[in-house]
Amino acid sequence: MTDQIIWLNAPGDVTHFNVEHRLCEPPCHGEIKIRHQAIGTNFLDVYHRKGIYPMPSYPAVIGAEAAGIVEDVGPGVSLFQKGDRVAYAGPPVGAYRSTRNIAAERAIKLPDAVSARTAASSLLKGMTAYMLLKKTYDVGAGTQVLIHAAAGGLGSILVRCARSLDATVIGTVGSSEKAALAASYGADHLIVGRGADIVADVKRLTNGLGVDVAYDGIGGDTLLKTIRSVRPFGMAVTIGQAAGAIPPVPVEELRPGKALCHPSIMAWCADIGQYREAALAAVGAMETGIVSQIGAEYRLADVAKAHEEMESGRSAGSILLIP
């Protein structure tokens, strides 16, 4: 059997991807071999490709989540057998390939109700939502939450998970079409348009106080607006920089008593106990219908097109690679 591998030869644009075919290697002790059916993409992949989060060496294989069928089981593995449906997410990256050998403890069995495409599009995002809503800040009934890009892959799951916790959700979106999607996910209020006065709108919707917690994956100049939308002694959470690098934040912006947090799902998942806790919570959410909409699918060899679409912001939802 052969494996199709997408190599990133060096950090930079999509021209640095290279496709290679080679013979599959058998799994080592404690590993299983997964034949991927679907591979998830995330903005984390873009950061890895560009070198914002550099790989240890090049050429490298990026990609943080996938789902498929167990094709082979290495020595010392008793929890899985050939034919099992599984998914995984988090470190070490390396999902941009048609098969992969990974440590068995990082694989999560999929229930019948969760397809490979659903798992590949939603696992890492669901785990991130769990970390953000229960570990970074304990969201519950009555919590007022601001979620940027509320119709996107992560944003849509954050909206639904926050609503399932009885929080009040204010979402931001770039267009009326995305507003309709975010409303269907349960957002209580929506701020529409890239030129919207986010701070003023949030204050209006919260009787002048601000939200308890705000999640910002936009970066750039938006982070200051996010901080200013948070109530005194609330929290702003920066989780990405889709619109550009995050500028230095003057400490005075945190008066009076605001907190600024920069969590990492990859760091969280480095601990196997925390990883499995978040992964099982994400799969449980998928079983209740809290999943990311699939915005587009590309062949694995067309990874450059997938990255271009992801960066363009055109797609509402997740983009999958299909081996």
Protein backbone atom coordinates (compact mmCIF):
# COMPACT_ATOMS: atom_id res chain seq x y z
CA MET A 1 0.00 0.00 0.00
CA THR A 2 1.15 3.54 -0.74
CA ASP A 3 0.81 6.77 1.19
CA GLN A 4 0.26 10.20 -0.36
CA ILE A 5 2.13 12.80 1.68
CA ILE A 6 1.97 16.60 1.48
CA TRP A 7 5.36 18.04 2.39
CA LEU A 8 5.91 21.66 3.38
CA ASN A 9 9.39 22.31 2.03
CA ALA A 10 9.88 25.64 3.81
CA PRO A 11 7.73 28.26 5.54
CA GLY A 12 5.94 30.61 3.16
CA ASP A 13 3.09 30.63 0.66
CA VAL A 14 1.20 27.70 -0.84
CA THR A 15 3.86 27.09 -3.50
CA HIS A 16 5.97 25.45 -0.78
CA PHE A 17 3.70 22.40 -0.67
CA ASN A 18 4.93 19.30 -2.48
CA VAL A 19 3.13 15.99 -3.10
CA GLU A 20 5.00 12.68 -2.67
CA HIS A 21 3.94 9.03 -2.89
CA ARG A 22 5.80 6.37 -0.90
CA LEU A 23 5.26 2.91 0.56
CA CYS A 24 3.45 2.79 3.89
CA GLU A 25 5.46 1.85 6.97
CA PRO A 26 4.06 -0.56 9.59
CA PRO A 27 3.07 0.85 13.00
CA CYS A 28 5.61 0.61 15.81
CA HIS A 29 5.01 -0.60 19.37
CA GLY A 30 1.99 1.19 20.86
CA GLU A 31 0.91 2.64 17.51
CA ILE A 32 -1.94 2.14 15.11
CA LYS A 33 -2.05 2.88 11.39
CA ILE A 34 -5.03 4.97 10.27
CA ARG A 35 -6.22 5.14 6.66
CA HIS A 36 -7.57 8.69 6.57
CA GLN A 37 -11.05 9.28 5.17
CA ALA A 38 -11.09 13.02 5.91
CA ILE A 39 -8.51 15.53 7.13
CA GLY A 40 -9.50 18.72 8.91
CA THR A 41 -7.94 22.11 8.24
CA ASN A 42 -7.61 24.95 10.72
CA PHE A 43 -6.03 28.40 10.78
CA LEU A 44 -3.35 26.73 12.89
CA ASP A 45 -2.26 25.04 9.65
CA VAL A 46 -1.86 28.46 8.00
CA TYR A 47 0.26 29.65 10.92
CA HIS A 48 2.44 26.53 10.59
CA ARG A 49 2.72 27.00 6.82
CA LYS A 50 3.72 30.64 7.10
CA GLY A 51 6.21 29.98 9.89
CA ILE A 52 4.31 32.09 12.43
CA TYR A 53 4.46 28.90 14.47
CA PRO A 54 7.59 27.34 12.92
CA MET A 55 8.09 23.62 12.55
CA PRO A 56 11.18 22.07 14.20
CA SER A 57 12.68 21.26 10.79
CA TYR A 58 11.84 21.17 7.07
CA PRO A 59 10.53 19.51 5.01
CA ALA A 60 7.63 18.90 7.39
CA VAL A 61 4.09 17.52 7.33
CA ILE A 62 1.48 19.76 8.95
CA GLY A 63 -2.18 19.19 9.87
CA ALA A 64 -3.66 18.73 13.34
CA GLU A 65 -6.72 16.48 12.92
CA ALA A 66 -8.13 13.66 10.84
CA ALA A 67 -10.49 10.69 10.95
CA GLY A 68 -10.51 7.29 9.31
CA ILE A 69 -10.25 3.53 9.68
CA VAL A 70 -7.68 1.55 11.66
CA GLU A 71 -5.73 -0.32 8.98
CA ASP A 72 -3.08 -1.99 11.14
CA VAL A 73 -2.27 -2.40 14.82
CA GLY A 74 1.23 -2.38 16.24
CA PRO A 75 2.62 -4.57 19.04
CA GLY A 76 1.35 -3.76 22.52
CA VAL A 77 -1.98 -2.29 21.38
CA SER A 78 -5.10 -3.95 22.79
CA LEU A 79 -7.73 -1.19 22.67
CA PHE A 80 -8.08 -1.12 18.87
CA GLN A 81 -8.47 -3.61 16.07
CA LYS A 82 -8.49 -3.38 12.30
CA GLY A 83 -11.65 -1.74 11.02
CA ASP A 84 -12.28 0.51 14.02
CA ARG A 85 -13.46 4.03 13.16
CA VAL A 86 -11.31 6.63 14.90
CA ALA A 87 -10.30 10.28 14.94
CA TYR A 88 -7.50 12.29 16.53
CA ALA A 89 -6.42 15.89 16.96
CA GLY A 90 -3.65 17.97 18.49
CA PRO A 91 0.10 17.37 18.66
CA PRO A 92 2.19 16.07 17.09
CA VAL A 93 1.05 17.61 13.80
CA GLY A 94 1.35 15.58 10.61
CA ALA A 95 -2.16 14.81 9.31
CA TYR A 96 -1.66 15.95 5.67
CA ARG A 97 -1.20 12.42 4.33
CA SER A 98 -3.42 9.52 3.32
CA THR A 99 -2.27 7.18 6.12
CA ARG A 100 -0.62 7.85 9.43
CA ASN A 101 0.92 5.88 12.29
CA ILE A 102 0.08 7.48 15.65
CA ALA A 103 0.22 6.51 19.31
CA ALA A 104 -2.90 4.50 20.11
CA GLU A 105 -3.59 6.61 23.21
CA ARG A 106 -4.20 9.64 20.96
CA ALA A 107 -6.94 7.93 18.95
CA ILE A 108 -10.61 8.32 19.91
CA LYS A 109 -13.17 5.74 18.82
CA LEU A 110 -16.07 7.25 16.92
CA PRO A 111 -19.69 6.35 17.71
CA ASP A 112 -21.89 5.27 14.82
CA ALA A 113 -23.70 8.62 14.82
CA VAL A 114 -20.50 10.59 14.02
CA SER A 115 -19.12 10.32 10.48
CA ALA A 116 -15.46 10.66 9.56
CA ARG A 117 -16.17 13.98 7.80
CA THR A 118 -17.96 15.34 10.86
CA ALA A 119 -15.16 14.25 13.18
CA ALA A 120 -12.41 15.67 10.96
CA SER A 121 -14.18 19.01 10.67
CA SER A 122 -15.19 19.32 14.32
CA LEU A 123 -12.88 17.48 16.73
CA LEU A 124 -10.14 20.07 17.25
CA LYS A 125 -12.67 22.91 17.21
CA GLY A 126 -14.88 21.09 19.71
CA MET A 127 -11.89 20.47 21.96
CA THR A 128 -10.93 24.13 21.69
CA ALA A 129 -14.46 25.18 22.58
CA TYR A 130 -14.39 22.94 25.64
CA MET A 131 -11.06 24.42 26.77
CA LEU A 132 -12.24 28.00 26.18
CA LEU A 133 -15.71 27.72 27.71
CA LYS A 134 -14.95 25.51 30.73
CA LYS A 135 -11.23 25.80 31.51
CA THR A 136 -10.11 29.26 30.35
CA TYR A 137 -13.30 30.89 31.68
CA ASP A 138 -16.11 28.97 33.33
CA VAL A 139 -19.09 29.92 31.15
CA GLY A 140 -22.51 29.11 32.55
CA ALA A 141 -26.09 30.31 32.82
CA GLY A 142 -26.28 34.07 32.43
CA THR A 143 -22.68 34.56 31.25
CA GLN A 144 -22.50 37.20 28.54
CA VAL A 145 -20.13 36.11 25.79
CA LEU A 146 -18.71 37.87 22.72
CA ILE A 147 -17.63 35.55 19.87
CA HIS A 148 -15.95 36.93 16.76
CA ALA A 149 -16.43 35.20 13.37
CA ALA A 150 -19.53 33.52 14.76
CA ALA A 151 -20.31 31.77 11.46
CA GLY A 152 -16.83 30.30 11.02
CA GLY A 153 -15.63 26.80 11.83
CA LEU A 154 -14.63 27.43 15.46
CA GLY A 155 -17.04 30.33 15.96
CA SER A 156 -20.08 28.27 15.03
CA ILE A 157 -19.17 25.58 17.57
CA LEU A 158 -18.41 28.17 20.24
CA VAL A 159 -21.83 29.74 19.69
CA ARG A 160 -23.68 26.44 20.02
CA CYS A 161 -21.64 25.23 22.99
CA ALA A 162 -22.08 28.55 24.81
CA ARG A 163 -25.83 28.48 24.18
CA SER A 164 -25.98 24.89 25.46
CA LEU A 165 -24.53 26.29 28.72
CA ASP A 166 -27.33 28.91 28.84
CA ALA A 167 -24.97 31.79 28.13
CA THR A 168 -26.06 34.89 26.23
CA VAL A 169 -24.08 35.13 22.98
CA ILE A 170 -23.19 38.23 21.02
CA GLY A 171 -21.59 37.30 17.71
CA THR A 172 -19.77 39.33 15.08
CA VAL A 173 -19.95 38.42 11.38
CA GLY A 174 -18.82 40.04 8.15
CA SER A 175 -22.01 39.81 6.08
CA SER A 176 -25.76 39.37 6.24
CA GLU A 177 -25.39 35.85 4.81
CA LYS A 178 -23.08 34.88 7.66
CA ALA A 179 -25.42 36.61 10.11
CA ALA A 180 -28.20 34.27 9.02
CA LEU A 181 -25.94 31.28 9.66
CA ALA A 182 -24.84 32.53 13.08
CA ALA A 183 -28.48 33.18 14.02
CA SER A 184 -29.33 29.60 13.06
CA TYR A 185 -26.59 28.43 15.44
CA GLY A 186 -28.34 30.25 18.29
CA ALA A 187 -26.55 33.60 18.65
CA ASP A 188 -28.75 35.96 20.67
CA HIS A 189 -27.40 39.16 19.09
CA LEU A 190 -25.32 39.80 15.98
CA ILE A 191 -23.03 42.67 15.01
CA VAL A 192 -22.79 42.69 11.22
CA GLY A 193 -20.16 44.19 8.93
CA ARG A 194 -16.42 44.71 9.05
CA GLY A 195 -16.91 48.42 9.72
CA ALA A 196 -19.27 47.98 12.67
CA ASP A 197 -18.57 49.83 15.92
CA ILE A 198 -18.11 46.67 17.98
CA VAL A 199 -17.45 48.38 21.30
CA ALA A 200 -20.48 50.67 21.06
CA ASP A 201 -22.75 47.84 19.95
CA VAL A 202 -21.60 45.53 22.76
CA LYS A 203 -22.08 48.25 25.36
CA ARG A 204 -25.57 48.93 23.98
CA LEU A 205 -26.47 45.24 24.18
CA THR A 206 -25.14 44.89 27.74
CA ASN A 207 -26.63 48.05 29.25
CA GLY A 208 -23.28 49.82 29.12
CA LEU A 209 -21.37 47.19 31.10
CA GLY A 210 -19.63 44.93 28.57
CA VAL A 211 -19.45 41.15 28.25
CA ASP A 212 -18.06 38.78 30.85
CA VAL A 213 -15.73 37.08 28.37
CA ALA A 214 -14.80 37.70 24.73
CA TYR A 215 -13.12 35.29 22.30
CA ASP A 216 -11.01 36.89 19.58
CA GLY A 217 -9.50 34.84 16.74
CA ILE A 218 -9.25 37.89 14.47
CA GLY A 219 -6.18 39.63 15.90
CA GLY A 220 -4.79 42.78 14.31
CA ASP A 221 -6.55 45.94 15.44
CA THR A 222 -9.59 43.96 16.60
CA LEU A 223 -8.02 42.81 19.87
CA LEU A 224 -8.12 46.28 21.44
CA LYS A 225 -11.79 46.55 20.49
CA THR A 226 -12.35 43.17 22.08
CA ILE A 227 -10.68 44.21 25.33
CA ARG A 228 -12.75 47.41 25.39
CA SER A 229 -15.91 45.32 24.97
CA VAL A 230 -15.23 43.39 28.21
CA ARG A 231 -16.70 44.48 31.55
CA PRO A 232 -14.48 45.39 34.50
CA PHE A 233 -12.94 42.22 35.93
CA GLY A 234 -14.00 40.27 32.83
CA MET A 235 -11.68 38.45 30.43
CA ALA A 236 -10.56 38.90 26.84
CA VAL A 237 -9.22 35.73 25.21
CA THR A 238 -6.98 35.94 22.14
CA ILE A 239 -7.00 32.70 20.14
CA GLY A 240 -5.72 33.65 16.68
CA GLN A 241 -4.68 36.33 14.24
CA ALA A 242 -6.63 35.76 11.04
CA ALA A 243 -6.52 39.49 10.21
CA GLY A 244 -2.87 40.01 11.04
CA ALA A 245 -0.30 40.02 13.82
CA ILE A 246 -1.45 41.07 17.26
CA PRO A 247 0.06 44.44 18.21
CA PRO A 248 1.48 45.15 21.67
CA VAL A 249 -1.31 45.81 24.17
CA PRO A 250 -0.74 48.68 26.64
CA VAL A 251 -1.30 47.41 30.15
CA GLU A 252 -3.52 50.44 30.78
CA GLU A 253 -6.11 48.83 28.47
CA LEU A 254 -6.73 46.25 31.19
CA ARG A 255 -7.98 48.77 33.72
CA PRO A 256 -9.99 48.25 35.84
CA GLY A 257 -9.15 44.65 36.55
CA LYS A 258 -9.65 43.08 33.12
CA ALA A 259 -7.73 39.92 32.26
CA LEU A 260 -6.11 39.04 28.93
CA CYS A 261 -5.56 35.34 28.24
CA HIS A 262 -3.75 33.60 25.36
CA PRO A 263 -4.49 29.86 25.67
CA SER A 264 -3.21 27.14 23.33
CA ILE A 265 -5.20 24.03 22.53
CA MET A 266 -1.98 22.35 21.36
CA ALA A 267 -0.32 23.01 24.71
CA TRP A 268 -3.46 21.77 26.49
CA CYS A 269 -3.45 18.57 24.41
CA ALA A 270 0.20 17.83 25.16
CA ASP A 271 -1.04 16.29 28.41
CA ILE A 272 -2.71 13.01 27.43
CA GLY A 273 -5.25 13.17 30.26
CA GLN A 274 -6.36 16.67 29.33
CA TYR A 275 -6.37 15.69 25.66
CA ARG A 276 -8.69 12.75 26.14
CA GLU A 277 -10.98 14.74 28.46
CA ALA A 278 -11.42 17.45 25.83
CA ALA A 279 -11.67 14.99 22.93
CA LEU A 280 -14.37 12.90 24.59
CA ALA A 281 -16.29 16.08 25.46
CA ALA A 282 -16.05 17.16 21.81
CA VAL A 283 -17.28 13.79 20.51
CA GLY A 284 -20.14 13.92 23.00
CA ALA A 285 -21.09 17.36 21.68
CA MET A 286 -21.00 16.02 18.12
CA GLU A 287 -23.48 13.32 19.10
CA THR A 288 -25.91 16.06 20.16
CA GLY A 289 -25.48 17.87 16.84
CA ILE A 290 -22.90 20.49 17.85
CA VAL A 291 -20.71 20.21 14.79
CA SER A 292 -18.95 22.50 12.36
CA GLN A 293 -20.66 23.06 9.03
CA ILE A 294 -18.49 21.78 6.18
CA GLY A 295 -17.94 24.76 3.90
CA ALA A 296 -15.83 23.05 1.22
CA GLU A 297 -13.96 19.86 0.37
CA TYR A 298 -10.76 19.47 -1.65
CA ARG A 299 -8.66 16.53 -2.74
CA LEU A 300 -5.57 16.15 -0.58
CA ALA A 301 -3.38 17.01 -3.58
CA ASP A 302 -5.26 20.33 -3.89
CA VAL A 303 -4.15 21.49 -0.46
CA ALA A 304 -2.94 24.82 -1.89
CA LYS A 305 -6.47 25.67 -3.03
CA ALA A 306 -7.84 24.76 0.39
CA HIS A 307 -5.39 27.10 2.10
CA GLU A 308 -6.18 29.91 -0.33
CA GLU A 309 -9.90 29.57 0.40
CA MET A 310 -9.30 29.37 4.14
CA GLU A 311 -7.29 32.62 4.08
CA SER A 312 -9.80 34.38 1.83
CA GLY A 313 -12.56 34.16 4.44
CA ARG A 314 -15.08 33.16 1.75
CA SER A 315 -16.03 29.85 3.31
CA ALA A 316 -18.48 29.72 6.19
CA GLY A 317 -17.54 26.60 8.10
CA SER A 318 -14.72 24.08 7.91
CA ILE A 319 -12.67 23.02 4.90
CA LEU A 320 -11.84 19.34 4.51
CA LEU A 321 -9.11 17.53 2.62
CA ILE A 322 -10.16 14.15 1.19
CA PRO A 323 -7.37 11.62 0.42
